Protein backbone atom coordinates (compact mmCIF):
# COMPACT_ATOMS: atom_id res chain seq x y z
CA MET A 1 19.80 40.16 -38.77
CA THR A 2 18.35 39.04 -35.43
CA ARG A 3 18.93 35.60 -33.96
CA SER A 4 15.31 34.72 -34.72
CA ALA A 5 15.66 35.87 -38.33
CA ARG A 6 18.92 33.99 -38.77
CA GLY A 7 17.31 30.81 -37.43
CA ARG A 8 14.34 31.07 -39.83
CA ALA A 9 16.65 31.86 -42.74
CA ALA A 10 18.77 28.79 -41.95
CA VAL A 11 15.67 26.62 -41.90
CA ARG A 12 14.52 27.98 -45.26
CA TRP A 13 18.03 27.55 -46.77
CA ALA A 14 18.35 23.96 -45.58
CA ALA A 15 14.85 23.10 -46.74
CA ALA A 16 15.44 24.58 -50.20
CA LEU A 17 18.74 22.75 -50.66
CA LEU A 18 17.29 19.44 -49.53
CA ALA A 19 14.34 19.83 -51.87
CA ALA A 20 16.68 20.55 -54.77
CA LEU A 21 18.74 17.46 -54.06
CA ALA A 22 15.58 15.38 -53.86
CA LEU A 23 14.43 16.56 -57.28
CA ALA A 24 17.86 15.88 -58.70
CA GLY A 25 17.66 12.28 -57.51
CA CYS A 26 15.21 9.56 -58.34
CA GLY A 27 11.99 11.42 -57.62
CA GLU A 28 11.62 10.43 -53.97
CA ARG A 29 10.01 13.07 -51.79
CA THR A 30 11.95 12.05 -48.67
CA VAL A 31 15.66 12.78 -48.29
CA GLN A 32 18.28 12.71 -45.59
CA PRO A 33 18.86 15.92 -43.65
CA ILE A 34 22.19 17.50 -44.54
CA ALA A 35 22.27 20.47 -42.19
CA THR A 36 21.95 21.12 -38.49
CA VAL A 37 19.98 24.32 -38.02
CA PRO A 38 21.13 26.72 -35.29
CA ALA A 39 17.65 27.14 -33.88
CA THR A 40 17.58 27.86 -30.16
CA TRP A 41 16.04 25.70 -27.46
CA ILE A 42 16.02 27.37 -24.05
CA ARG A 43 15.91 25.42 -20.80
CA GLN A 44 13.04 26.12 -18.45
CA SER A 45 13.61 24.85 -14.92
CA PRO A 46 10.57 22.96 -13.58
CA ALA A 47 11.40 23.81 -9.98
CA SER A 48 13.56 26.23 -8.04
CA ALA A 49 17.16 26.42 -9.18
CA ASP A 50 20.01 24.67 -7.46
CA SER A 51 20.64 27.56 -5.08
CA LEU A 52 21.20 25.57 -1.89
CA GLY A 53 23.92 23.21 -3.14
CA ALA A 54 24.17 19.61 -2.00
CA LEU A 55 22.56 19.05 1.41
CA VAL A 56 23.80 16.16 3.55
CA GLY A 57 22.30 16.51 7.01
CA VAL A 58 18.99 17.58 8.54
CA TRP A 59 17.62 18.02 12.07
CA GLY A 60 15.03 20.19 13.77
CA SER A 61 13.56 21.08 17.11
CA ALA A 62 10.05 21.22 15.60
CA SER A 63 8.21 21.22 12.26
CA SER A 64 8.69 24.98 12.12
CA ASP A 65 12.34 24.93 13.15
CA VAL A 66 14.35 22.67 10.86
CA PHE A 67 18.04 22.99 9.98
CA ALA A 68 19.95 21.47 7.04
CA VAL A 69 23.66 21.61 6.24
CA GLY A 70 25.81 20.85 3.23
CA GLN A 71 28.68 21.67 0.94
CA ARG A 72 30.69 24.89 1.13
CA GLY A 73 29.42 25.75 4.59
CA THR A 74 25.77 25.71 3.55
CA LEU A 75 23.32 26.36 6.39
CA VAL A 76 19.60 26.59 5.70
CA HIS A 77 16.55 26.90 7.93
CA TYR A 78 12.86 26.08 7.53
CA ASP A 79 10.22 28.04 9.46
CA PHE A 80 7.17 26.06 8.26
CA THR A 81 6.78 28.50 5.35
CA ARG A 82 10.03 28.51 3.40
CA TRP A 83 13.65 27.42 3.37
CA THR A 84 16.16 30.27 3.66
CA ARG A 85 19.93 30.47 3.81
CA GLN A 86 21.62 31.35 7.08
CA ALA A 87 24.89 33.24 7.29
CA SER A 88 27.72 30.73 7.59
CA PRO A 89 31.03 31.42 9.34
CA THR A 90 32.86 28.78 7.26
CA PRO A 91 33.37 27.87 3.59
CA LEU A 92 34.16 24.27 4.55
CA ASP A 93 31.83 21.38 3.72
CA LEU A 94 29.49 20.49 6.56
CA ALA A 95 28.47 16.87 7.12
CA ALA A 96 26.02 16.73 10.03
CA VAL A 97 23.71 18.76 12.26
CA HIS A 98 22.00 18.00 15.58
CA GLY A 99 20.79 19.82 18.66
CA VAL A 100 18.64 19.79 21.76
CA SER A 101 16.62 22.96 21.06
CA GLY A 102 16.30 25.76 18.55
CA SER A 103 18.92 27.72 20.45
CA GLU A 104 21.38 24.86 20.99
CA VAL A 105 22.31 23.38 17.61
CA TRP A 106 25.64 21.93 16.47
CA ALA A 107 27.04 21.39 12.95
CA VAL A 108 30.36 19.74 12.06
CA GLY A 109 32.39 19.17 8.91
CA ASN A 110 35.73 19.13 7.15
CA GLN A 111 39.01 19.98 8.86
CA GLY A 112 37.44 19.59 12.27
CA VAL A 113 35.13 22.58 11.88
CA ILE A 114 32.51 22.89 14.63
CA LEU A 115 29.67 25.43 14.50
CA ARG A 116 27.10 26.33 17.15
CA PHE A 117 23.76 28.09 16.67
CA ASP A 118 22.51 30.01 19.69
CA GLY A 119 19.08 30.93 18.39
CA SER A 120 20.23 34.04 16.56
CA ARG A 121 23.41 33.22 14.64
CA TRP A 122 25.96 30.52 13.87
CA ARG A 123 29.42 30.84 15.37
CA GLN A 124 32.54 28.76 14.85
CA GLN A 125 33.79 27.00 17.99
CA PRO A 126 37.34 26.02 18.96
CA SER A 127 38.07 22.49 17.76
CA PRO A 128 40.78 20.18 19.12
CA THR A 129 41.21 18.40 15.77
CA GLY A 130 41.89 19.08 12.11
CA ALA A 131 40.37 15.75 11.09
CA ASP A 132 37.17 15.75 9.03
CA LEU A 133 34.13 15.32 11.26
CA ARG A 134 31.24 13.30 9.86
CA ALA A 135 28.71 13.05 12.70
CA VAL A 136 27.43 15.01 15.68
CA ARG A 137 24.99 14.11 18.44
CA ALA A 138 23.77 16.41 21.21
CA VAL A 139 22.55 14.68 24.38
CA SER A 140 21.92 17.80 26.44
CA GLY A 141 23.04 21.42 26.62
CA SER A 142 26.17 20.30 28.41
CA LEU A 143 26.90 17.03 26.62
CA ALA A 144 27.48 16.34 22.93
CA PHE A 145 29.64 14.06 20.77
CA ALA A 146 31.25 14.43 17.34
CA ALA A 147 33.04 11.75 15.33
CA GLY A 148 34.91 11.40 12.07
CA LYS A 149 38.06 10.50 10.19
CA GLY A 150 40.66 8.23 11.78
CA GLY A 151 38.28 7.09 14.49
CA ILE A 152 38.27 10.53 16.13
CA VAL A 153 35.59 11.13 18.77
CA LEU A 154 35.14 14.48 20.48
CA ARG A 155 33.14 15.14 23.64
CA TYR A 156 31.58 18.47 24.64
CA ASP A 157 31.14 19.02 28.38
CA GLY A 158 29.37 22.35 28.40
CA THR A 159 32.53 24.43 28.21
CA GLY A 160 34.58 22.98 25.37
CA TRP A 161 35.39 20.03 23.12
CA ALA A 162 38.05 17.41 23.89
CA ALA A 163 39.19 14.24 22.10
CA GLN A 164 38.42 10.83 23.56
CA ALA A 165 40.36 7.62 23.13
CA THR A 166 38.73 5.03 20.85
CA PRO A 167 39.74 1.49 19.84
CA THR A 168 39.70 2.23 16.08
CA THR A 169 41.38 4.32 13.40
CA LEU A 170 38.54 3.74 10.95
CA THR A 171 36.40 6.69 9.90
CA LEU A 172 33.19 7.06 11.88
CA TYR A 173 30.12 8.36 10.02
CA GLY A 174 27.19 8.03 12.40
CA LEU A 175 26.32 8.72 16.05
CA TRP A 176 23.27 8.08 18.19
CA ALA A 177 22.65 8.22 21.93
CA SER A 178 19.87 7.06 24.20
CA GLY A 179 21.44 8.92 27.11
CA PRO A 180 24.75 10.17 28.54
CA GLY A 181 25.91 6.63 29.28
CA ASP A 182 24.78 4.95 26.05
CA VAL A 183 26.25 6.31 22.81
CA ILE A 184 26.80 4.33 19.58
CA ALA A 185 29.17 5.20 16.72
CA VAL A 186 29.36 3.41 13.36
CA GLY A 187 31.70 3.63 10.39
CA ASP A 188 34.06 2.02 7.88
CA SER A 189 34.29 -1.76 7.52
CA GLY A 190 31.21 -2.20 9.70
CA VAL A 191 32.90 -0.84 12.83
CA VAL A 192 30.52 -0.30 15.77
CA LEU A 193 31.66 1.42 18.97
CA ARG A 194 29.75 1.89 22.22
CA TYR A 195 30.28 4.47 24.96
CA ASP A 196 29.13 3.52 28.46
CA GLY A 197 29.76 6.83 30.19
CA SER A 198 33.42 6.14 30.93
CA GLY A 199 34.99 4.87 27.71
CA TRP A 200 34.56 3.50 24.20
CA SER A 201 34.67 -0.18 23.24
CA ALA A 202 34.16 -2.14 20.03
CA VAL A 203 30.99 -4.18 19.51
CA SER A 204 31.00 -7.12 17.11
CA GLN A 205 28.43 -7.41 14.35
CA PRO A 206 28.09 -9.78 11.37
CA VAL A 207 28.83 -7.56 8.33
CA LYS A 208 31.87 -5.66 7.07
CA HIS A 209 30.13 -3.10 4.91
CA ARG A 210 30.67 0.56 5.68
CA LEU A 211 27.97 1.93 7.99
CA PHE A 212 26.88 5.52 7.47
CA ALA A 213 24.20 6.14 10.09
CA VAL A 214 22.59 4.85 13.25
CA TRP A 215 19.32 5.63 15.05
CA GLY A 216 17.37 3.99 17.83
CA ALA A 217 13.91 3.98 19.32
CA SER A 218 15.45 2.89 22.61
CA ALA A 219 18.67 1.43 23.98
CA GLY A 220 17.45 -2.02 22.99
CA ASP A 221 16.00 -1.19 19.58
CA VAL A 222 18.62 0.37 17.27
CA PHE A 223 19.06 0.47 13.48
CA ALA A 224 22.26 1.04 11.48
CA VAL A 225 22.46 1.45 7.68
CA GLY A 226 25.24 1.52 5.13
CA ASP A 227 26.73 0.32 1.85
CA SER A 228 25.09 -2.27 -0.39
CA GLY A 229 21.68 -1.80 1.21
CA THR A 230 22.99 -2.92 4.61
CA VAL A 231 20.54 -2.68 7.50
CA LEU A 232 21.48 -3.94 10.98
CA HIS A 233 19.29 -4.16 14.05
CA TRP A 234 20.37 -4.19 17.71
CA ASP A 235 17.95 -5.90 20.08
CA GLY A 236 19.79 -5.08 23.27
CA SER A 237 22.16 -8.04 23.16
CA SER A 238 23.37 -8.49 19.56
CA TRP A 239 23.36 -7.05 16.06
CA SER A 240 21.62 -8.91 13.22
CA PRO A 241 21.13 -8.04 9.53
CA GLN A 242 17.74 -7.25 8.07
CA PRO A 243 16.92 -7.61 4.35
CA SER A 244 16.40 -4.17 2.84
CA GLY A 245 15.49 -5.21 -0.69
CA VAL A 246 18.04 -2.84 -2.24
CA GLY A 247 21.74 -3.13 -3.03
CA ILE A 248 22.80 0.50 -2.98
CA ALA A 249 24.20 2.76 -0.28
CA LEU A 250 21.90 3.92 2.51
CA TYR A 251 23.17 7.16 4.04
CA SER A 252 20.75 8.06 6.82
CA VAL A 253 18.11 6.55 9.11
CA TRP A 254 15.47 8.01 11.43
CA GLY A 255 12.26 6.76 12.94
CA ALA A 256 9.07 7.98 14.53
CA SER A 257 8.97 4.71 16.49
CA ALA A 258 10.45 1.22 16.43
CA SER A 259 7.82 0.23 13.85
CA ASP A 260 7.95 3.38 11.72
CA VAL A 261 11.51 3.88 10.47
CA PHE A 262 12.82 5.64 7.34
CA ALA A 263 16.14 5.17 5.56
CA VAL A 264 17.36 7.14 2.53
CA GLY A 265 20.21 6.72 0.10
CA ALA A 266 21.63 6.65 -3.39
CA GLY A 267 19.52 6.35 -6.51
CA ASN A 268 16.49 8.20 -5.17
CA VAL A 269 15.85 5.51 -2.54
CA VAL A 270 13.54 5.88 0.43
CA LEU A 271 12.92 2.78 2.54
CA HIS A 272 10.31 2.34 5.23
CA TYR A 273 10.21 -0.21 8.05
CA ASP A 274 6.79 -1.06 9.51
CA GLY A 275 7.90 -3.34 12.30
CA SER A 276 7.95 -6.47 10.17
CA GLY A 277 9.95 -5.59 7.08
CA TRP A 278 11.45 -2.92 4.83
CA SER A 279 9.76 -1.64 1.66
CA THR A 280 10.63 0.99 -0.91
CA GLN A 281 8.76 4.27 -1.00
CA PRO A 282 8.79 6.40 -4.17
CA CYS A 283 9.89 9.97 -3.62
CA GLY A 284 10.32 11.57 -7.04
CA ALA A 285 13.57 13.31 -6.16
CA GLY A 286 15.60 11.84 -8.97
CA THR A 287 18.79 12.28 -6.96
CA PHE A 288 20.86 11.02 -4.02
CA LEU A 289 19.30 11.54 -0.60
CA ARG A 290 21.79 12.06 2.23
CA GLY A 291 19.80 12.86 5.34
CA VAL A 292 16.44 12.13 6.93
CA TRP A 293 14.73 13.41 10.09
CA GLY A 294 11.20 14.11 11.27
CA THR A 295 8.88 14.94 14.12
CA ALA A 296 6.30 12.24 13.39
CA ALA A 297 5.41 9.53 10.88
CA ASN A 298 3.54 12.11 8.78
CA ASP A 299 6.13 14.87 9.10
CA VAL A 300 9.47 13.68 7.73
CA PHE A 301 12.16 15.64 5.90
CA ALA A 302 14.79 14.24 3.52
CA VAL A 303 17.64 16.23 1.96
CA GLY A 304 20.15 15.54 -0.79
CA SER A 305 21.91 16.57 -3.96
CA ASN A 306 20.80 19.58 -6.04
CA GLY A 307 19.53 21.34 -2.94
CA ILE A 308 16.70 18.82 -2.69
CA VAL A 309 14.41 18.97 0.32
CA LEU A 310 11.51 16.51 0.39
CA HIS A 311 8.70 16.43 2.91
CA PHE A 312 6.63 13.34 3.69
CA THR A 313 3.06 14.00 4.77
CA GLY A 314 2.10 10.42 5.50
CA THR A 315 1.05 9.60 1.95
CA THR A 316 3.44 11.29 -0.51
CA TRP A 317 6.88 12.90 -0.64
CA ASP A 318 6.58 16.50 -1.80
CA LEU A 319 9.43 18.59 -3.21
CA GLN A 320 9.89 21.67 -1.03
CA THR A 321 12.99 23.09 -2.67
CA GLY A 322 15.79 22.12 -5.02
CA ARG A 323 16.05 21.25 -8.67
CA PHE A 324 13.48 18.74 -9.90
CA THR A 325 15.42 15.97 -11.66
CA SER A 326 12.93 13.16 -12.22
CA THR A 327 12.20 11.91 -15.75
CA LEU A 328 9.32 13.60 -17.55
CA PHE A 329 7.40 11.34 -19.94
CA GLY A 330 4.48 13.50 -21.03
CA LEU A 331 3.68 17.10 -22.03
CA TRP A 332 0.53 18.91 -23.07
CA GLY A 333 -0.42 22.54 -23.42
CA SER A 334 -2.81 24.84 -25.22
CA SER A 335 -1.39 28.24 -24.19
CA ALA A 336 1.36 29.84 -22.12
CA THR A 337 -0.93 29.73 -19.11
CA GLU A 338 -2.02 26.14 -19.62
CA LEU A 339 0.90 23.69 -19.66
CA PHE A 340 1.22 20.32 -17.94
CA ALA A 341 4.08 17.82 -17.59
CA VAL A 342 4.00 14.37 -15.98
CA GLY A 343 6.61 11.78 -15.14
CA ALA A 344 8.35 9.46 -12.71
CA CYS A 345 6.94 8.80 -9.23
CA GLY A 346 3.62 10.32 -10.18
CA SER A 347 5.16 13.74 -10.81
CA ARG A 348 2.74 16.34 -12.13
CA LEU A 349 3.95 19.85 -12.99
CA ARG A 350 2.05 22.95 -14.07
CA GLY A 351 3.52 25.63 -16.32
CA ALA A 352 2.26 29.18 -16.72
CA GLY A 353 3.62 32.53 -17.84
CA ALA A 354 2.77 35.80 -19.55
CA THR A 355 4.44 34.36 -22.67
CA SER A 356 5.95 31.03 -23.60
CA LYS A 357 9.41 32.45 -22.95
CA THR A 358 8.52 33.34 -19.37
CA VAL A 359 6.77 30.13 -18.35
CA SER A 360 7.47 29.10 -14.77
CA TRP A 361 6.98 25.46 -13.78
CA THR A 362 5.73 24.37 -10.37
CA LEU A 363 5.41 20.88 -8.95
CA ASP A 364 1.85 19.87 -8.12
CA VAL A 365 2.72 16.49 -6.64
CA THR A 366 5.36 13.78 -6.63
CA GLY A 367 6.28 10.75 -4.56
CA LEU A 368 3.63 8.31 -5.74
CA ALA A 369 4.28 4.61 -6.15
CA ARG A 370 3.80 4.68 -9.92
CA ASP A 371 4.91 6.74 -12.92
CA PHE A 372 2.69 8.87 -15.12
CA HIS A 373 3.49 8.31 -18.81
CA ALA A 374 1.30 10.75 -20.73
CA VAL A 375 -0.97 13.78 -20.37
CA TRP A 376 -3.58 15.42 -22.60
CA GLY A 377 -6.29 17.99 -22.07
CA ALA A 378 -9.44 19.38 -23.62
CA GLY A 379 -8.88 22.56 -21.63
CA THR A 380 -7.77 23.69 -18.18
CA GLY A 381 -10.82 22.09 -16.58
CA ALA A 382 -10.32 18.67 -18.17
CA VAL A 383 -6.73 17.39 -18.21
CA TRP A 384 -6.02 13.65 -18.10
CA ALA A 385 -2.82 11.92 -16.98
CA VAL A 386 -2.28 8.16 -17.36
CA GLY A 387 0.41 5.79 -16.15
CA GLU A 388 1.52 2.58 -14.52
CA GLY A 389 -0.97 -0.01 -13.34
CA GLY A 390 -3.87 1.67 -15.11
CA MET A 391 -3.43 4.84 -13.07
CA VAL A 392 -5.57 7.73 -14.33
CA ALA A 393 -5.93 11.19 -12.80
CA MET A 394 -7.99 14.16 -13.99
CA SER A 395 -7.44 17.83 -13.22
CA ASN A 396 -10.38 20.24 -13.11
CA GLY A 397 -7.99 23.19 -13.08
CA LEU A 398 -7.87 23.38 -9.30
CA SER A 399 -6.95 19.89 -8.14
CA TRP A 400 -6.29 16.35 -9.34
CA ALA A 401 -8.65 13.44 -8.68
CA TYR A 402 -8.02 9.77 -9.41
CA ALA A 403 -10.42 7.78 -11.55
CA ASN A 404 -11.09 4.09 -12.07
CA SER A 405 -9.68 3.39 -15.52
CA GLY A 406 -11.10 -0.13 -15.68
CA THR A 407 -7.68 -1.72 -16.15
CA THR A 408 -4.53 -2.55 -14.23
CA GLN A 409 -2.39 -2.61 -17.36
CA ASP A 410 0.26 0.09 -17.76
CA LEU A 411 -1.06 3.01 -19.81
CA PHE A 412 1.36 4.89 -22.09
CA GLY A 413 -0.75 7.26 -24.19
CA VAL A 414 -3.82 9.47 -23.88
CA TRP A 415 -5.75 11.69 -26.32
CA GLY A 416 -9.32 12.79 -26.76
CA ALA A 417 -11.63 14.24 -29.36
CA SER A 418 -13.32 16.15 -26.53
CA SER A 419 -13.56 16.18 -22.73
CA SER A 420 -16.22 13.45 -22.96
CA ASP A 421 -14.47 11.26 -25.52
CA VAL A 422 -10.98 10.26 -24.40
CA TRP A 423 -8.77 7.29 -25.29
CA ALA A 424 -5.96 5.71 -23.23
CA VAL A 425 -3.76 2.93 -24.60
CA GLY A 426 -1.15 0.66 -23.08
CA ALA A 427 0.33 -2.76 -22.43
CA ALA A 428 -1.07 -5.90 -24.05
CA GLY A 429 -3.00 -3.87 -26.62
CA THR A 430 -5.10 -2.15 -23.94
CA THR A 431 -7.58 0.41 -25.28
CA GLN A 432 -9.66 2.23 -22.67
CA ARG A 433 -12.31 4.82 -23.59
CA TYR A 434 -13.84 7.57 -21.46
CA THR A 435 -17.35 8.74 -22.32
CA GLY A 436 -18.38 9.81 -18.83
CA ALA A 437 -16.81 6.70 -17.33
CA TRP A 438 -13.87 4.55 -18.37
CA THR A 439 -14.65 1.30 -20.16
CA THR A 440 -12.53 -1.38 -21.81
CA VAL A 441 -12.69 -1.73 -25.57
CA PRO A 442 -11.76 -5.27 -26.64
CA PRO A 443 -8.15 -5.18 -27.91
CA VAL A 444 -7.30 -6.10 -31.47
CA THR A 445 -3.63 -6.76 -30.68
CA SER A 446 -1.63 -8.23 -27.80
CA ARG A 447 1.27 -5.88 -28.47
CA THR A 448 1.96 -2.89 -26.26
CA LEU A 449 0.50 0.37 -27.55
CA ARG A 450 2.67 3.38 -26.69
CA ALA A 451 0.88 6.42 -28.05
CA VAL A 452 -2.48 7.59 -29.35
CA TRP A 453 -3.61 10.68 -31.31
CA GLY A 454 -6.35 11.65 -33.69
CA SER A 455 -7.96 14.39 -35.74
CA ALA A 456 -11.56 13.56 -34.83
CA SER A 457 -13.61 10.98 -32.96
CA ASN A 458 -13.72 8.81 -36.09
CA ASP A 459 -10.05 9.25 -37.01
CA VAL A 460 -7.84 8.02 -34.16
CA TYR A 461 -4.47 6.23 -34.39
CA ALA A 462 -2.61 4.14 -31.84
CA VAL A 463 0.97 2.89 -32.34
CA GLY A 464 3.23 0.47 -30.51
CA ASP A 465 5.59 -2.47 -30.54
CA SER A 466 6.73 -4.32 -33.67
CA GLY A 467 5.43 -1.61 -35.97
CA THR A 468 1.85 -1.87 -34.72
CA VAL A 469 -0.48 0.83 -36.04
CA LEU A 470 -4.23 0.75 -35.34
CA ARG A 471 -6.91 3.11 -36.60
CA PHE A 472 -10.32 3.77 -35.02
CA ASP A 473 -12.95 4.82 -37.56
CA GLY A 474 -15.67 5.70 -35.11
CA SER A 475 -16.93 2.16 -34.64
CA GLN A 476 -13.93 -0.18 -34.37
CA TRP A 477 -10.15 -0.44 -34.27
CA SER A 478 -8.41 -2.00 -37.26
CA PRO A 479 -4.73 -2.73 -37.95
CA GLU A 480 -2.93 -0.76 -40.65
CA THR A 481 -0.27 -2.10 -42.98
CA VAL A 482 2.93 -0.11 -42.47
CA PRO A 483 6.49 -0.33 -43.86
CA THR A 484 8.24 -1.09 -40.55
CA THR A 485 8.40 -3.68 -37.76
CA ARG A 486 10.28 -1.43 -35.36
CA THR A 487 8.69 -0.22 -32.15
CA LEU A 488 6.74 3.00 -32.66
CA ARG A 489 6.63 5.36 -29.69
CA GLY A 490 4.87 8.50 -30.86
CA VAL A 491 2.05 9.47 -33.23
CA TRP A 492 0.51 12.75 -34.33
CA VAL A 493 -2.30 13.49 -36.79
CA SER A 494 -2.61 16.79 -38.64
CA GLY A 495 -5.95 18.48 -39.18
CA GLY A 496 -5.64 17.58 -42.84
CA GLY A 497 -5.39 13.88 -42.08
CA THR A 498 -1.65 13.36 -42.56
CA VAL A 499 -0.33 10.96 -39.92
CA PHE A 500 3.22 10.83 -38.53
CA ALA A 501 4.55 7.95 -36.41
CA VAL A 502 8.07 7.72 -34.96
CA GLY A 503 10.08 5.10 -33.14
CA ASP A 504 13.26 3.12 -32.68
CA THR A 505 16.49 3.58 -34.71
CA GLY A 506 15.31 6.81 -36.30
CA THR A 507 12.08 5.36 -37.70
CA VAL A 508 9.64 7.87 -39.18
CA ILE A 509 6.63 6.74 -41.20
CA VAL A 510 4.03 9.04 -42.74
CA LYS A 511 0.51 8.35 -43.96
CA SER A 512 -0.63 10.63 -46.77
CA ALA A 513 -3.35 10.10 -49.33
CA GLY A 514 -4.24 6.79 -47.72
CA SER A 515 -0.81 5.09 -47.83
CA TRP A 516 2.16 4.81 -45.48
CA THR A 517 5.76 5.56 -46.53
CA THR A 518 9.07 5.66 -44.72
CA GLU A 519 10.95 8.94 -44.44
CA SER A 520 14.71 8.96 -43.91
CA VAL A 521 15.73 11.49 -41.28
CA GLY A 522 19.47 10.92 -40.96
CA THR A 523 19.61 9.60 -37.40
CA ASP A 524 19.46 6.23 -35.68
CA ALA A 525 18.33 7.78 -32.39
CA GLN A 526 15.35 6.34 -30.52
CA LEU A 527 12.58 8.76 -31.43
CA GLU A 528 10.01 9.15 -28.68
CA ALA A 529 7.57 11.90 -29.60
CA VAL A 530 6.09 13.79 -32.53
CA TRP A 531 3.95 16.93 -32.67
CA GLY A 532 3.20 19.54 -35.30
CA ASN A 533 1.52 22.82 -36.12
CA SER A 534 0.64 21.44 -39.54
CA ALA A 535 1.74 18.70 -41.91
CA SER A 536 4.44 21.10 -43.16
CA GLU A 537 5.79 21.93 -39.68
CA VAL A 538 6.35 18.79 -37.62
CA PHE A 539 8.74 18.30 -34.71
CA VAL A 540 10.21 14.96 -33.60
CA ALA A 541 12.22 14.39 -30.37
CA GLY A 542 14.29 11.50 -29.04
CA ASP A 543 17.39 10.38 -27.23
CA ARG A 544 20.81 12.06 -27.49
CA GLY A 545 19.06 15.42 -27.49
CA VAL A 546 17.67 14.90 -30.98
CA ILE A 547 14.97 17.26 -32.23
CA LEU A 548 14.07 17.19 -35.92
CA LEU A 549 11.91 19.65 -37.85
CA ARG A 550 10.05 18.72 -41.03
CA GLY A 551 9.08 21.35 -43.54
CA ALA A 552 6.92 20.69 -46.58
CA SER A 553 9.04 17.72 -47.65
CA THR A 554 12.40 17.86 -45.90
CA TRP A 555 13.86 17.22 -42.47
CA THR A 556 16.47 19.27 -40.59
CA ARG A 557 18.05 18.72 -37.21
CA LEU A 558 17.77 21.53 -34.66
CA THR A 559 20.49 22.39 -32.17
CA THR A 560 19.18 21.71 -28.67
CA GLY A 561 22.23 22.17 -26.44
CA THR A 562 21.62 18.85 -24.71
CA ALA A 563 22.55 15.21 -25.17
CA GLY A 564 19.79 14.12 -22.82
CA HIS A 565 16.91 11.76 -23.62
CA LEU A 566 13.90 13.78 -24.77
CA ARG A 567 10.59 11.94 -24.37
CA ALA A 568 7.73 14.38 -24.98
CA LEU A 569 6.64 17.28 -27.19
CA THR A 570 3.75 19.72 -27.20
CA GLY A 571 2.92 23.11 -28.62
CA PHE A 572 0.27 25.59 -29.71
CA GLY A 573 1.94 27.74 -32.37
CA PRO A 574 4.96 28.06 -34.69
CA THR A 575 7.30 29.16 -31.88
CA GLU A 576 5.23 27.83 -29.00
CA VAL A 577 6.83 24.37 -28.82
CA PHE A 578 8.11 22.55 -25.74
CA ALA A 579 10.13 19.36 -25.23
CA ALA A 580 10.80 17.42 -22.02
CA GLY A 581 12.70 14.37 -20.86
CA ASP A 582 15.21 12.88 -18.47
CA GLY A 583 16.52 14.80 -15.48
CA GLY A 584 13.43 17.02 -15.33
CA LEU A 585 14.59 18.81 -18.49
CA ILE A 586 12.10 21.14 -20.19
CA LEU A 587 13.06 23.03 -23.36
CA HIS A 588 11.27 25.87 -25.16
CA TYR A 589 11.75 26.53 -28.88
CA GLU A 590 12.91 30.06 -29.70
CA PRO A 591 14.01 30.17 -33.36
């Protein structure tokens, strides 16, 4: 028996047993699931796999000549077309990269390793230390500095590297130089050292947080960043703190000018300084960012965990390579060549393949200021995505365009009877309708609506907080009486008029023959999404990796291989079902 046949047989066996138990009981048609079915859900990566490893440093001589370094001796290069690995002479972790030209580039890392790129290959250089090196700064072809553990500072004079005396034993993480007689190093416990061309001395500053990086627009305009969102500014005479608005570690800083500075760090953080203050920029990476560098304000690169490389074009941060790990909130598809996913930081992905098993996902855009929460389409040429602050975008199959939704309320659900009759629902009972333009339909509730679905233009359901269920009959929305007060997060309507709504603590309610009943599904997981091929084949997804399958009258739990939070479902056939959720996870059902 094949794996597919075994999976279908297990579903039939569990369904038959559950039905028998139900009949043996008190006549209820809903029972608790008693079996976990070994159906198979296969992961589909929504972006290139984690082939580069964690990247921690980036520098380039031009937009078409960018270098990044990372764990296990990783060396990669960007030529304005693609990122490719370079042969590395070391397996040791690399921490920093800097140079003066494309043929004079230095990289340093653990155990004092020093590498030099001469324009054709990387070679390991003699090092006078076995201490881990965390920073490197090239001033000219005959002058460079490296720094690291135990306060070590090395100086390159054009022929070799030699250690210099410093007034600290604290680890140094960052270096910057305005010239051969003005070099700054920063590190643990807020240590700041300055080199004047003859020796190193300590410089006082007002914080004791660890400092990871330093960059300056000039000798009198320097920024340092570090733990707990620390940002310091040097004005030529003293260091002073600047409010960053975040409390997490900032690992790298670079600027196009004194009034156009970027800092990146833990928790997917990108900060921007405009000359008057720091603000957060969304980037959609979903991971730690360790390094930042650019050629101009509209040409900035950031690197980090999972082989992430982001590129800022002046308006958005785009994922160039690495594993996409942002949360996905919405899915919709009508065929293997027509699949869409949306999520955090305005992420929009497109899936296509010869079959559902071979779908490849590509990132259309990310790095917006707001999240997309849901997506639905009438076809490739009319796909709608909705999200925070009333954000609405429509794809014509070639590109996305933003539309005026008529509201600034957060939108959580979207569905349409056709490309010219689309509903979006959201916070404070918001109901927006598109019939050539978006208009506001007066709300009948103040509660947040989290999902919308229908079977026709006169049979539409919206669900939300505190057990709210509304139905649109073609002329008006009216509340429905339902057997729950728990938040409902997903709704789906079969062609035959059966309605399924799901929500918190394992809540599933079903409307059949005009009345709502509760169905017990054997889990207290937060259920986020519901979708079906028919009223006798309905899928439900939620947190802890839960996916449930309902047959004619019984529920079974499917093995997913994940404990992650699943937030969306879509499909277009019995085995053409997809789920998505946190960490950029996309699953395909292969029973």
